[in-house]
Every structure is written in C-alpha cells, then in structure tokens.
C-alpha cells in the first residue's frame, strides 16, 4: 500500500479542533491523530457523490 501525507497540522494546547478536509479526488484516506506516545487512526472513503 502506498502512503502519502497530503495534510499535516500541529495543534498545541487545544482540547478540540475542527479540521476541514476537501479531498481533490475520490479514494481512501486515513486520518491519524498523534498525542505524545498514543495515536488514533480512522479510514475515510470518498466515493465522489
């Protein structure tokens, strides 16, 4: 599987952050949030509809 970072944002001292994501094409995207030594990953499927 090929991975490419298309967006990166550093968030410091915030408990919430809204991220507006506007993909340029349909496909499968992964969102990874890292906090110290822990991380959360979620798959997004954009089908173009």
PDB file of N, CA and C in Angstrom:
ATOM      1  N   UNK A   1       0.844  -1.173   0.000  1.00  0.00           N
ATOM      2  CA  UNK A   1       0.000   0.000   0.000  1.00  0.00           C
ATOM      3  C   UNK A   1       0.888   1.236   0.000  1.00  0.00           C
ATOM      4  N   UNK A   2       0.559   2.203  -0.807  1.00  0.00           N
ATOM      5  CA  UNK A   2       1.309   3.440  -0.923  1.00  0.00           C
ATOM      6  C   UNK A   2       0.690   4.508  -0.029  1.00  0.00           C
ATOM      7  N   UNK A   3       1.495   5.149   0.807  1.00  0.00           N
ATOM      8  CA  UNK A   3       1.027   6.201   1.716  1.00  0.00           C
ATOM      9  C   UNK A   3       1.652   7.521   1.318  1.00  0.00           C
ATOM     10  N   UNK A   4       0.855   8.569   1.328  1.00  0.00           N
ATOM     11  CA  UNK A   4       1.359   9.903   1.035  1.00  0.00           C
ATOM     12  C   UNK A   4       0.661  10.878   1.967  1.00  0.00           C
ATOM     13  N   UNK A   5       1.425  11.675   2.671  1.00  0.00           N
ATOM     14  CA  UNK A   5       0.851  12.689   3.549  1.00  0.00           C
ATOM     15  C   UNK A   5       0.366  13.850   2.684  1.00  0.00           C
ATOM     16  N   UNK A   6      -0.932  14.166   2.773  1.00  0.00           N
ATOM     17  CA  UNK A   6      -1.472  15.267   1.968  1.00  0.00           C
ATOM     18  C   UNK A   6      -1.853  16.475   2.815  1.00  0.00           C
ATOM     19  N   UNK A   7      -1.841  16.315   4.134  1.00  0.00           N
ATOM     20  CA  UNK A   7      -2.195  17.419   5.020  1.00  0.00           C
ATOM     21  C   UNK A   7      -1.624  17.140   6.400  1.00  0.00           C
ATOM     22  N   UNK A   8      -1.024  18.150   7.003  1.00  0.00           N
ATOM     23  CA  UNK A   8      -0.481  17.996   8.345  1.00  0.00           C
ATOM     24  C   UNK A   8      -0.747  19.274   9.119  1.00  0.00           C
ATOM     25  N   UNK A   9      -1.124  19.119  10.381  1.00  0.00           N
ATOM     26  CA  UNK A   9      -1.454  20.270  11.223  1.00  0.00           C
ATOM     27  C   UNK A   9      -0.974  20.015  12.633  1.00  0.00           C
ATOM     28  N   UNK A  10      -0.228  20.936  13.189  1.00  0.00           N
ATOM     29  CA  UNK A  10       0.210  20.842  14.577  1.00  0.00           C
ATOM     30  C   UNK A  10      -0.776  21.605  15.457  1.00  0.00           C
ATOM     31  N   UNK A  11      -1.271  20.939  16.487  1.00  0.00           N
ATOM     32  CA  UNK A  11      -2.233  21.539  17.412  1.00  0.00           C
ATOM     33  C   UNK A  11      -1.614  21.472  18.803  1.00  0.00           C
ATOM     34  N   UNK A  12      -1.455  22.605  19.411  1.00  0.00           N
ATOM     35  CA  UNK A  12      -0.850  22.657  20.737  1.00  0.00           C
ATOM     36  C   UNK A  12      -1.844  23.244  21.735  1.00  0.00           C
ATOM     37  N   UNK A  13      -1.985  22.580  22.869  1.00  0.00           N
ATOM     38  CA  UNK A  13      -2.794  23.071  23.990  1.00  0.00           C
ATOM     39  C   UNK A  13      -4.252  23.354  23.610  1.00  0.00           C
ATOM     40  N   UNK A  14      -4.822  22.540  22.749  1.00  0.00           N
ATOM     41  CA  UNK A  14      -6.231  22.666  22.386  1.00  0.00           C
ATOM     42  C   UNK A  14      -6.913  21.328  22.643  1.00  0.00           C
ATOM     43  N   UNK A  15      -8.095  21.363  23.281  1.00  0.00           N
ATOM     44  CA  UNK A  15      -8.813  20.123  23.545  1.00  0.00           C
ATOM     45  C   UNK A  15      -9.705  19.729  22.375  1.00  0.00           C
ATOM     46  N   UNK A  16     -10.045  20.701  21.501  1.00  0.00           N
ATOM     47  CA  UNK A  16     -10.849  20.420  20.313  1.00  0.00           C
ATOM     48  C   UNK A  16     -10.312  21.218  19.138  1.00  0.00           C
ATOM     49  N   UNK A  17     -10.435  20.644  17.957  1.00  0.00           N
ATOM     50  CA  UNK A  17     -10.021  21.328  16.737  1.00  0.00           C
ATOM     51  C   UNK A  17     -10.848  20.794  15.576  1.00  0.00           C
ATOM     52  N   UNK A  18     -11.491  21.688  14.833  1.00  0.00           N
ATOM     53  CA  UNK A  18     -12.241  21.290  13.636  1.00  0.00           C
ATOM     54  C   UNK A  18     -11.303  21.378  12.439  1.00  0.00           C
ATOM     55  N   UNK A  19     -11.254  20.290  11.689  1.00  0.00           N
ATOM     56  CA  UNK A  19     -10.397  20.233  10.512  1.00  0.00           C
ATOM     57  C   UNK A  19     -11.292  20.096   9.291  1.00  0.00           C
ATOM     58  N   UNK A  20     -11.193  21.041   8.380  1.00  0.00           N
ATOM     59  CA  UNK A  20     -11.980  20.991   7.151  1.00  0.00           C
ATOM     60  C   UNK A  20     -11.149  20.292   6.089  1.00  0.00           C
ATOM     61  N   UNK A  21     -11.675  19.187   5.600  1.00  0.00           N
ATOM     62  CA  UNK A  21     -10.961  18.347   4.645  1.00  0.00           C
ATOM     63  C   UNK A  21     -11.726  18.346   3.340  1.00  0.00           C
ATOM     64  N   UNK A  22     -11.090  18.790   2.271  1.00  0.00           N
ATOM     65  CA  UNK A  22     -11.711  18.836   0.956  1.00  0.00           C
ATOM     66  C   UNK A  22     -10.827  18.055  -0.016  1.00  0.00           C
ATOM     67  N   UNK A  23     -11.047  16.735  -0.123  1.00  0.00           N
ATOM     68  CA  UNK A  23     -10.176  15.925  -0.981  1.00  0.00           C
ATOM     69  C   UNK A  23     -10.326  16.298  -2.452  1.00  0.00           C
ATOM     70  N   UNK A  24      -9.227  16.248  -3.173  1.00  0.00           N
ATOM     71  CA  UNK A  24      -9.238  16.611  -4.587  1.00  0.00           C
ATOM     72  C   UNK A  24      -9.747  15.478  -5.477  1.00  0.00           C
ATOM     73  N   UNK A  25      -9.786  14.255  -4.958  1.00  0.00           N
ATOM     74  CA  UNK A  25     -10.287  13.141  -5.759  1.00  0.00           C
ATOM     75  C   UNK A  25     -10.829  12.048  -4.850  1.00  0.00           C
ATOM     76  N   UNK A  26     -11.659  11.179  -5.438  1.00  0.00           N
ATOM     77  CA  UNK A  26     -12.209  10.081  -4.656  1.00  0.00           C
ATOM     78  C   UNK A  26     -11.123   9.068  -4.348  1.00  0.00           C
ATOM     79  N   UNK A  27     -11.330   8.323  -3.283  1.00  0.00           N
ATOM     80  CA  UNK A  27     -10.353   7.326  -2.888  1.00  0.00           C
ATOM     81  C   UNK A  27     -10.466   7.023  -1.409  1.00  0.00           C
ATOM     82  N   UNK A  28      -9.459   6.363  -0.881  1.00  0.00           N
ATOM     83  CA  UNK A  28      -9.402   6.002   0.536  1.00  0.00           C
ATOM     84  C   UNK A  28      -8.347   6.877   1.196  1.00  0.00           C
ATOM     85  N   UNK A  29      -8.749   7.539   2.260  1.00  0.00           N
ATOM     86  CA  UNK A  29      -7.860   8.425   3.007  1.00  0.00           C
ATOM     87  C   UNK A  29      -7.794   7.943   4.447  1.00  0.00           C
ATOM     88  N   UNK A  30      -6.677   8.187   5.107  1.00  0.00           N
ATOM     89  CA  UNK A  30      -6.511   7.831   6.514  1.00  0.00           C
ATOM     90  C   UNK A  30      -6.209   9.093   7.305  1.00  0.00           C
ATOM     91  N   UNK A  31      -6.912   9.253   8.421  1.00  0.00           N
ATOM     92  CA  UNK A  31      -6.661  10.356   9.341  1.00  0.00           C
ATOM     93  C   UNK A  31      -5.944   9.764  10.545  1.00  0.00           C
ATOM     94  N   UNK A  32      -4.787  10.318  10.870  1.00  0.00           N
ATOM     95  CA  UNK A  32      -4.023   9.838  12.024  1.00  0.00           C
ATOM     96  C   UNK A  32      -3.783  11.016  12.955  1.00  0.00           C
ATOM     97  N   UNK A  33      -4.209  10.865  14.201  1.00  0.00           N
ATOM     98  CA  UNK A  33      -4.022  11.884  15.220  1.00  0.00           C
ATOM     99  C   UNK A  33      -3.056  11.322  16.255  1.00  0.00           C
ATOM    100  N   UNK A  34      -1.959  12.038  16.486  1.00  0.00           N
ATOM    101  CA  UNK A  34      -0.942  11.592  17.421  1.00  0.00           C
ATOM    102  C   UNK A  34      -0.893  12.532  18.619  1.00  0.00           C
ATOM    103  N   UNK A  35      -0.911  11.946  19.807  1.00  0.00           N
ATOM    104  CA  UNK A  35      -0.785  12.714  21.043  1.00  0.00           C
ATOM    105  C   UNK A  35       0.275  12.052  21.909  1.00  0.00           C
ATOM    106  N   UNK A  36       1.451  12.618  21.914  1.00  0.00           N
ATOM    107  CA  UNK A  36       2.542  12.032  22.699  1.00  0.00           C
ATOM    108  C   UNK A  36       2.921  10.657  22.170  1.00  0.00           C
ATOM    109  N   UNK A  37       2.676   9.612  22.978  1.00  0.00           N
ATOM    110  CA  UNK A  37       3.024   8.253  22.567  1.00  0.00           C
ATOM    111  C   UNK A  37       1.819   7.471  22.064  1.00  0.00           C
ATOM    112  N   UNK A  38       0.634   8.072  22.055  1.00  0.00           N
ATOM    113  CA  UNK A  38      -0.588   7.393  21.595  1.00  0.00           C
ATOM    114  C   UNK A  38      -1.059   7.994  20.272  1.00  0.00           C
ATOM    115  N   UNK A  39      -1.778   7.169  19.495  1.00  0.00           N
ATOM    116  CA  UNK A  39      -2.350   7.702  18.264  1.00  0.00           C
ATOM    117  C   UNK A  39      -3.695   7.056  17.978  1.00  0.00           C
ATOM    118  N   UNK A  40      -4.500   7.746  17.152  1.00  0.00           N
ATOM    119  CA  UNK A  40      -5.810   7.304  16.717  1.00  0.00           C
ATOM    120  C   UNK A  40      -5.825   7.379  15.199  1.00  0.00           C
ATOM    121  N   UNK A  41      -6.322   6.328  14.536  1.00  0.00           N
ATOM    122  CA  UNK A  41      -6.376   6.331  13.086  1.00  0.00           C
ATOM    123  C   UNK A  41      -7.782   5.952  12.620  1.00  0.00           C
ATOM    124  N   UNK A  42      -8.270   6.675  11.613  1.00  0.00           N
ATOM    125  CA  UNK A  42      -9.603   6.427  11.065  1.00  0.00           C
ATOM    126  C   UNK A  42      -9.516   6.448   9.542  1.00  0.00           C
ATOM    127  N   UNK A  43     -10.202   5.520   8.918  1.00  0.00           N
ATOM    128  CA  UNK A  43     -10.232   5.445   7.455  1.00  0.00           C
ATOM    129  C   UNK A  43     -11.435   6.217   6.929  1.00  0.00           C
ATOM    130  N   UNK A  44     -11.236   7.049   5.903  1.00  0.00           N
ATOM    131  CA  UNK A  44     -12.309   7.774   5.223  1.00  0.00           C
ATOM    132  C   UNK A  44     -12.390   7.276   3.783  1.00  0.00           C
ATOM    133  N   UNK A  45     -13.578   6.923   3.343  1.00  0.00           N
ATOM    134  CA  UNK A  45     -13.780   6.507   1.963  1.00  0.00           C
ATOM    135  C   UNK A  45     -14.591   7.584   1.256  1.00  0.00           C
ATOM    136  N   UNK A  46     -14.004   8.216   0.240  1.00  0.00           N
ATOM    137  CA  UNK A  46     -14.653   9.265  -0.537  1.00  0.00           C
ATOM    138  C   UNK A  46     -15.010   8.663  -1.887  1.00  0.00           C
ATOM    139  N   UNK A  47     -16.324   8.598  -2.170  1.00  0.00           N
ATOM    140  CA  UNK A  47     -16.749   7.968  -3.424  1.00  0.00           C
ATOM    141  C   UNK A  47     -17.178   8.969  -4.485  1.00  0.00           C
ATOM    142  N   UNK A  48     -17.127  10.250  -4.202  1.00  0.00           N
ATOM    143  CA  UNK A  48     -17.413  11.267  -5.214  1.00  0.00           C
ATOM    144  C   UNK A  48     -18.869  11.657  -5.328  1.00  0.00           C
ATOM    145  N   UNK A  49     -19.741  11.146  -4.482  1.00  0.00           N
ATOM    146  CA  UNK A  49     -21.159  11.521  -4.541  1.00  0.00           C
ATOM    147  C   UNK A  49     -21.457  12.632  -3.600  1.00  0.00           C
TER     148      UNK A  49
END
